[in-house]
């Protein structure tokens, strides 16, 4: 069973996964890279659609206890019996908007991704499917070393889950 790092684009999944993989001597399975290498992406405007059923089949063959899996699609292409723990990195939607601007995302794509973070779509989908195996970590304004320490605590002690609700933040600013 694998450790999984997921969350919306721009939360720091790959950075944190790289650090954890080095500490724990694990190989990385990058869901997006596998999907690209297998030609499972299909252009749809400024987004990519993915054949999740095919990707799920292909990942099944690659997963072992000696790896860490990273990708925003994790809740949709993995099964509960394949994972030990799933960590959802969360980041303030206001911070994400500037990340998306730096990445030159279209306004539509930026709004969709920030909206997904505000509503906690990936988190909700992960919790519905993986229940007690899901932990959230707020990475907003934290140093990489602090996030790595927190992720390691979750992995080793099953402790450190944060309840994150960006709706309150957004509501305060828009009122």
C-alpha atoms as a PDB file:
ATOM      1  CA  UNK A   1       0.000   0.000   0.000  1.00  0.00           C
ATOM      2  CA  UNK A   2       1.271   3.429  -0.980  1.00  0.00           C
ATOM      3  CA  UNK A   3       1.459   6.917   0.432  1.00  0.00           C
ATOM      4  CA  UNK A   4      -0.399   9.438  -1.727  1.00  0.00           C
ATOM      5  CA  UNK A   5       0.039  13.214  -1.974  1.00  0.00           C
ATOM      6  CA  UNK A   6      -2.787  15.020  -3.762  1.00  0.00           C
ATOM      7  CA  UNK A   7      -4.453  18.417  -3.989  1.00  0.00           C
ATOM      8  CA  UNK A   8      -5.261  21.099  -6.511  1.00  0.00           C
ATOM      9  CA  UNK A   9      -2.660  22.344  -8.982  1.00  0.00           C
ATOM     10  CA  UNK A  10      -0.271  24.805  -7.352  1.00  0.00           C
ATOM     11  CA  UNK A  11      -0.390  23.542  -3.755  1.00  0.00           C
ATOM     12  CA  UNK A  12       3.133  22.068  -3.827  1.00  0.00           C
ATOM     13  CA  UNK A  13       2.436  18.372  -4.350  1.00  0.00           C
ATOM     14  CA  UNK A  14       5.562  17.626  -6.384  1.00  0.00           C
ATOM     15  CA  UNK A  15       7.899  19.647  -4.168  1.00  0.00           C
ATOM     16  CA  UNK A  16       6.704  17.922  -0.999  1.00  0.00           C
ATOM     17  CA  UNK A  17       6.587  14.493  -2.643  1.00  0.00           C
ATOM     18  CA  UNK A  18      10.212  14.839  -3.765  1.00  0.00           C
ATOM     19  CA  UNK A  19      11.301  15.689  -0.205  1.00  0.00           C
ATOM     20  CA  UNK A  20       9.321  12.812   1.353  1.00  0.00           C
ATOM     21  CA  UNK A  21      10.580  10.345  -1.260  1.00  0.00           C
ATOM     22  CA  UNK A  22      14.181  11.258  -0.427  1.00  0.00           C
ATOM     23  CA  UNK A  23      13.637  10.944   3.336  1.00  0.00           C
ATOM     24  CA  UNK A  24      11.812   7.619   3.081  1.00  0.00           C
ATOM     25  CA  UNK A  25      13.819   6.207   0.141  1.00  0.00           C
ATOM     26  CA  UNK A  26      10.698   5.745  -1.992  1.00  0.00           C
ATOM     27  CA  UNK A  27      10.293   5.954  -5.737  1.00  0.00           C
ATOM     28  CA  UNK A  28       7.752   8.429  -7.091  1.00  0.00           C
ATOM     29  CA  UNK A  29       4.782   7.512  -9.235  1.00  0.00           C
ATOM     30  CA  UNK A  30       3.587  10.715 -10.902  1.00  0.00           C
ATOM     31  CA  UNK A  31       0.040  10.154 -12.138  1.00  0.00           C
ATOM     32  CA  UNK A  32       0.206  12.979 -14.700  1.00  0.00           C
ATOM     33  CA  UNK A  33       3.491  11.728 -16.159  1.00  0.00           C
ATOM     34  CA  UNK A  34       2.078   8.222 -16.543  1.00  0.00           C
ATOM     35  CA  UNK A  35      -1.070   9.573 -18.199  1.00  0.00           C
ATOM     36  CA  UNK A  36       1.030  11.669 -20.609  1.00  0.00           C
ATOM     37  CA  UNK A  37       3.417   8.817 -21.404  1.00  0.00           C
ATOM     38  CA  UNK A  38       0.477   6.526 -22.167  1.00  0.00           C
ATOM     39  CA  UNK A  39      -1.234   9.132 -24.356  1.00  0.00           C
ATOM     40  CA  UNK A  40      -4.295   9.266 -22.115  1.00  0.00           C
ATOM     41  CA  UNK A  41      -4.622  13.072 -22.255  1.00  0.00           C
ATOM     42  CA  UNK A  42      -7.111  14.474 -24.728  1.00  0.00           C
ATOM     43  CA  UNK A  43      -7.079  18.233 -25.377  1.00  0.00           C
ATOM     44  CA  UNK A  44     -10.376  19.937 -24.590  1.00  0.00           C
ATOM     45  CA  UNK A  45      -9.956  23.695 -24.986  1.00  0.00           C
ATOM     46  CA  UNK A  46      -7.365  24.816 -22.450  1.00  0.00           C
ATOM     47  CA  UNK A  47      -7.778  21.699 -20.315  1.00  0.00           C
ATOM     48  CA  UNK A  48      -6.933  18.033 -20.730  1.00  0.00           C
ATOM     49  CA  UNK A  49      -9.460  15.245 -20.379  1.00  0.00           C
ATOM     50  CA  UNK A  50      -8.145  11.894 -19.206  1.00  0.00           C
ATOM     51  CA  UNK A  51      -9.401   8.358 -19.633  1.00  0.00           C
ATOM     52  CA  UNK A  52      -9.515   7.635 -15.880  1.00  0.00           C
ATOM     53  CA  UNK A  53     -10.571   3.989 -16.302  1.00  0.00           C
ATOM     54  CA  UNK A  54      -7.542   3.233 -18.461  1.00  0.00           C
ATOM     55  CA  UNK A  55      -5.260   5.200 -16.147  1.00  0.00           C
ATOM     56  CA  UNK A  56      -6.620   3.292 -13.147  1.00  0.00           C
ATOM     57  CA  UNK A  57      -5.798  -0.010 -14.895  1.00  0.00           C
ATOM     58  CA  UNK A  58      -2.267   1.084 -15.728  1.00  0.00           C
ATOM     59  CA  UNK A  59      -1.556   2.392 -12.207  1.00  0.00           C
ATOM     60  CA  UNK A  60      -2.708  -0.883 -10.676  1.00  0.00           C
ATOM     61  CA  UNK A  61       0.301  -2.585 -12.289  1.00  0.00           C
ATOM     62  CA  UNK A  62       2.812  -0.004 -11.018  1.00  0.00           C
ATOM     63  CA  UNK A  63       1.885   0.433  -7.347  1.00  0.00           C
ATOM     64  CA  UNK A  64       3.931  -1.153  -4.575  1.00  0.00           C
ATOM     65  CA  UNK A  65       4.844  -0.413  -0.954  1.00  0.00           C
ATOM     66  CA  UNK A  66       8.109   1.140  -2.086  1.00  0.00           C
ATOM     67  CA  UNK A  67       6.597   4.200  -3.710  1.00  0.00           C
ATOM     68  CA  UNK A  68       4.820   7.456  -3.113  1.00  0.00           C
ATOM     69  CA  UNK A  69       2.104   8.528  -5.532  1.00  0.00           C
ATOM     70  CA  UNK A  70       1.545  12.158  -6.517  1.00  0.00           C
ATOM     71  CA  UNK A  71      -1.181  13.823  -8.545  1.00  0.00           C
ATOM     72  CA  UNK A  72      -4.440  15.712  -8.375  1.00  0.00           C
ATOM     73  CA  UNK A  73      -6.208  12.780 -10.038  1.00  0.00           C
ATOM     74  CA  UNK A  74      -5.336  10.346  -7.221  1.00  0.00           C
ATOM     75  CA  UNK A  75      -8.841  10.231  -5.690  1.00  0.00           C
ATOM     76  CA  UNK A  76     -10.267   9.290  -9.085  1.00  0.00           C
ATOM     77  CA  UNK A  77      -7.819   6.606 -10.230  1.00  0.00           C
ATOM     78  CA  UNK A  78      -6.851   4.760  -7.036  1.00  0.00           C
ATOM     79  CA  UNK A  79      -8.716   2.337  -4.788  1.00  0.00           C
ATOM     80  CA  UNK A  80      -8.836   2.288  -1.019  1.00  0.00           C
ATOM     81  CA  UNK A  81      -7.017  -1.053  -0.768  1.00  0.00           C
ATOM     82  CA  UNK A  82      -4.064   0.371  -2.757  1.00  0.00           C
ATOM     83  CA  UNK A  83      -3.157   3.104  -0.328  1.00  0.00           C
ATOM     84  CA  UNK A  84      -1.903   3.395   3.222  1.00  0.00           C
ATOM     85  CA  UNK A  85      -2.598   7.104   3.582  1.00  0.00           C
ATOM     86  CA  UNK A  86      -3.712  10.002   1.370  1.00  0.00           C
ATOM     87  CA  UNK A  87      -2.549  13.501   2.211  1.00  0.00           C
ATOM     88  CA  UNK A  88      -4.439  16.381   0.605  1.00  0.00           C
ATOM     89  CA  UNK A  89      -2.381  19.560   0.494  1.00  0.00           C
ATOM     90  CA  UNK A  90      -4.560  22.669   0.721  1.00  0.00           C
ATOM     91  CA  UNK A  91      -3.599  26.267  -0.004  1.00  0.00           C
ATOM     92  CA  UNK A  92      -5.410  29.572   0.219  1.00  0.00           C
ATOM     93  CA  UNK A  93      -7.257  30.210  -3.045  1.00  0.00           C
ATOM     94  CA  UNK A  94      -5.897  33.757  -3.009  1.00  0.00           C
ATOM     95  CA  UNK A  95      -2.330  32.392  -3.066  1.00  0.00           C
ATOM     96  CA  UNK A  96      -3.258  29.931  -5.804  1.00  0.00           C
ATOM     97  CA  UNK A  97      -4.527  32.684  -8.091  1.00  0.00           C
ATOM     98  CA  UNK A  98      -1.044  34.245  -8.174  1.00  0.00           C
ATOM     99  CA  UNK A  99       0.501  30.800  -8.821  1.00  0.00           C
ATOM    100  CA  UNK A 100      -1.852  30.305 -11.754  1.00  0.00           C
ATOM    101  CA  UNK A 101      -0.998  33.750 -13.092  1.00  0.00           C
ATOM    102  CA  UNK A 102       2.728  32.858 -12.960  1.00  0.00           C
ATOM    103  CA  UNK A 103       1.952  29.604 -14.783  1.00  0.00           C
ATOM    104  CA  UNK A 104       0.029  31.624 -17.388  1.00  0.00           C
ATOM    105  CA  UNK A 105      -3.212  29.707 -16.890  1.00  0.00           C
ATOM    106  CA  UNK A 106      -6.203  31.187 -18.687  1.00  0.00           C
ATOM    107  CA  UNK A 107      -8.674  33.137 -16.542  1.00  0.00           C
ATOM    108  CA  UNK A 108     -11.175  30.310 -16.938  1.00  0.00           C
ATOM    109  CA  UNK A 109      -8.695  27.634 -15.832  1.00  0.00           C
ATOM    110  CA  UNK A 110      -7.521  29.782 -12.897  1.00  0.00           C
ATOM    111  CA  UNK A 111     -11.080  30.356 -11.710  1.00  0.00           C
ATOM    112  CA  UNK A 112     -11.980  26.670 -12.063  1.00  0.00           C
ATOM    113  CA  UNK A 113      -8.934  25.547 -10.061  1.00  0.00           C
ATOM    114  CA  UNK A 114      -9.328  28.239  -7.373  1.00  0.00           C
ATOM    115  CA  UNK A 115     -13.046  27.442  -7.169  1.00  0.00           C
ATOM    116  CA  UNK A 116     -12.218  23.766  -6.744  1.00  0.00           C
ATOM    117  CA  UNK A 117      -9.920  24.643  -3.840  1.00  0.00           C
ATOM    118  CA  UNK A 118     -12.517  26.946  -2.240  1.00  0.00           C
ATOM    119  CA  UNK A 119     -15.143  24.204  -2.393  1.00  0.00           C
ATOM    120  CA  UNK A 120     -12.685  21.468  -1.389  1.00  0.00           C
ATOM    121  CA  UNK A 121     -13.686  19.239  -4.284  1.00  0.00           C
ATOM    122  CA  UNK A 122     -10.586  17.022  -4.276  1.00  0.00           C
ATOM    123  CA  UNK A 123     -10.710  16.803  -0.473  1.00  0.00           C
ATOM    124  CA  UNK A 124     -14.396  15.915  -0.460  1.00  0.00           C
ATOM    125  CA  UNK A 125     -13.978  13.286  -3.177  1.00  0.00           C
ATOM    126  CA  UNK A 126     -10.964  11.802  -1.361  1.00  0.00           C
ATOM    127  CA  UNK A 127     -12.784  11.633   1.989  1.00  0.00           C
ATOM    128  CA  UNK A 128     -15.874  10.061   0.404  1.00  0.00           C
ATOM    129  CA  UNK A 129     -13.770   7.312  -1.183  1.00  0.00           C
ATOM    130  CA  UNK A 130     -10.898   6.783   1.277  1.00  0.00           C
ATOM    131  CA  UNK A 131     -12.507   7.912   4.599  1.00  0.00           C
ATOM    132  CA  UNK A 132     -10.121   7.500   7.551  1.00  0.00           C
ATOM    133  CA  UNK A 133      -7.064   7.297   5.287  1.00  0.00           C
ATOM    134  CA  UNK A 134      -7.382  10.985   4.278  1.00  0.00           C
ATOM    135  CA  UNK A 135      -5.554  13.815   6.042  1.00  0.00           C
ATOM    136  CA  UNK A 136      -5.571  17.515   5.099  1.00  0.00           C
ATOM    137  CA  UNK A 137      -2.635  19.851   5.554  1.00  0.00           C
ATOM    138  CA  UNK A 138      -2.831  23.610   5.072  1.00  0.00           C
ATOM    139  CA  UNK A 139       0.404  24.649   3.316  1.00  0.00           C
ATOM    140  CA  UNK A 140      -0.464  28.359   3.117  1.00  0.00           C
ATOM    141  CA  UNK A 141       2.495  30.550   4.137  1.00  0.00           C
ATOM    142  CA  UNK A 142       4.482  27.572   5.474  1.00  0.00           C
ATOM    143  CA  UNK A 143       8.096  26.777   4.672  1.00  0.00           C
ATOM    144  CA  UNK A 144       8.701  23.572   2.739  1.00  0.00           C
ATOM    145  CA  UNK A 145      10.567  22.115   5.736  1.00  0.00           C
ATOM    146  CA  UNK A 146       7.551  22.766   7.977  1.00  0.00           C
ATOM    147  CA  UNK A 147       5.171  21.067   5.544  1.00  0.00           C
ATOM    148  CA  UNK A 148       7.555  18.104   5.173  1.00  0.00           C
ATOM    149  CA  UNK A 149       7.704  17.755   8.964  1.00  0.00           C
ATOM    150  CA  UNK A 150       3.913  17.822   9.166  1.00  0.00           C
ATOM    151  CA  UNK A 151       3.537  15.273   6.342  1.00  0.00           C
ATOM    152  CA  UNK A 152       6.026  12.956   8.062  1.00  0.00           C
ATOM    153  CA  UNK A 153       4.028  13.243  11.297  1.00  0.00           C
ATOM    154  CA  UNK A 154       0.877  12.227   9.441  1.00  0.00           C
ATOM    155  CA  UNK A 155       2.644   9.283   7.770  1.00  0.00           C
ATOM    156  CA  UNK A 156       4.360   7.980  10.906  1.00  0.00           C
ATOM    157  CA  UNK A 157       1.819   8.801  13.608  1.00  0.00           C
ATOM    158  CA  UNK A 158      -1.478   9.142  11.704  1.00  0.00           C
ATOM    159  CA  UNK A 159      -1.706  12.506  13.429  1.00  0.00           C
ATOM    160  CA  UNK A 160      -1.889  16.098  12.229  1.00  0.00           C
ATOM    161  CA  UNK A 161      -5.098  16.349  10.233  1.00  0.00           C
ATOM    162  CA  UNK A 162      -6.356  19.913   9.743  1.00  0.00           C
ATOM    163  CA  UNK A 163      -9.943  20.873   8.985  1.00  0.00           C
ATOM    164  CA  UNK A 164      -9.827  23.486   6.247  1.00  0.00           C
ATOM    165  CA  UNK A 165     -12.772  25.601   5.112  1.00  0.00           C
ATOM    166  CA  UNK A 166     -11.947  28.354   2.640  1.00  0.00           C
ATOM    167  CA  UNK A 167     -15.623  29.326   2.344  1.00  0.00           C
ATOM    168  CA  UNK A 168     -15.362  31.303   5.580  1.00  0.00           C
ATOM    169  CA  UNK A 169     -12.266  33.130   4.275  1.00  0.00           C
ATOM    170  CA  UNK A 170     -13.916  33.970   0.971  1.00  0.00           C
ATOM    171  CA  UNK A 171     -17.137  35.030   2.673  1.00  0.00           C
ATOM    172  CA  UNK A 172     -15.271  37.447   4.995  1.00  0.00           C
ATOM    173  CA  UNK A 173     -13.470  39.133   2.127  1.00  0.00           C
ATOM    174  CA  UNK A 174     -16.477  39.429  -0.179  1.00  0.00           C
ATOM    175  CA  UNK A 175     -18.938  40.802   2.390  1.00  0.00           C
END
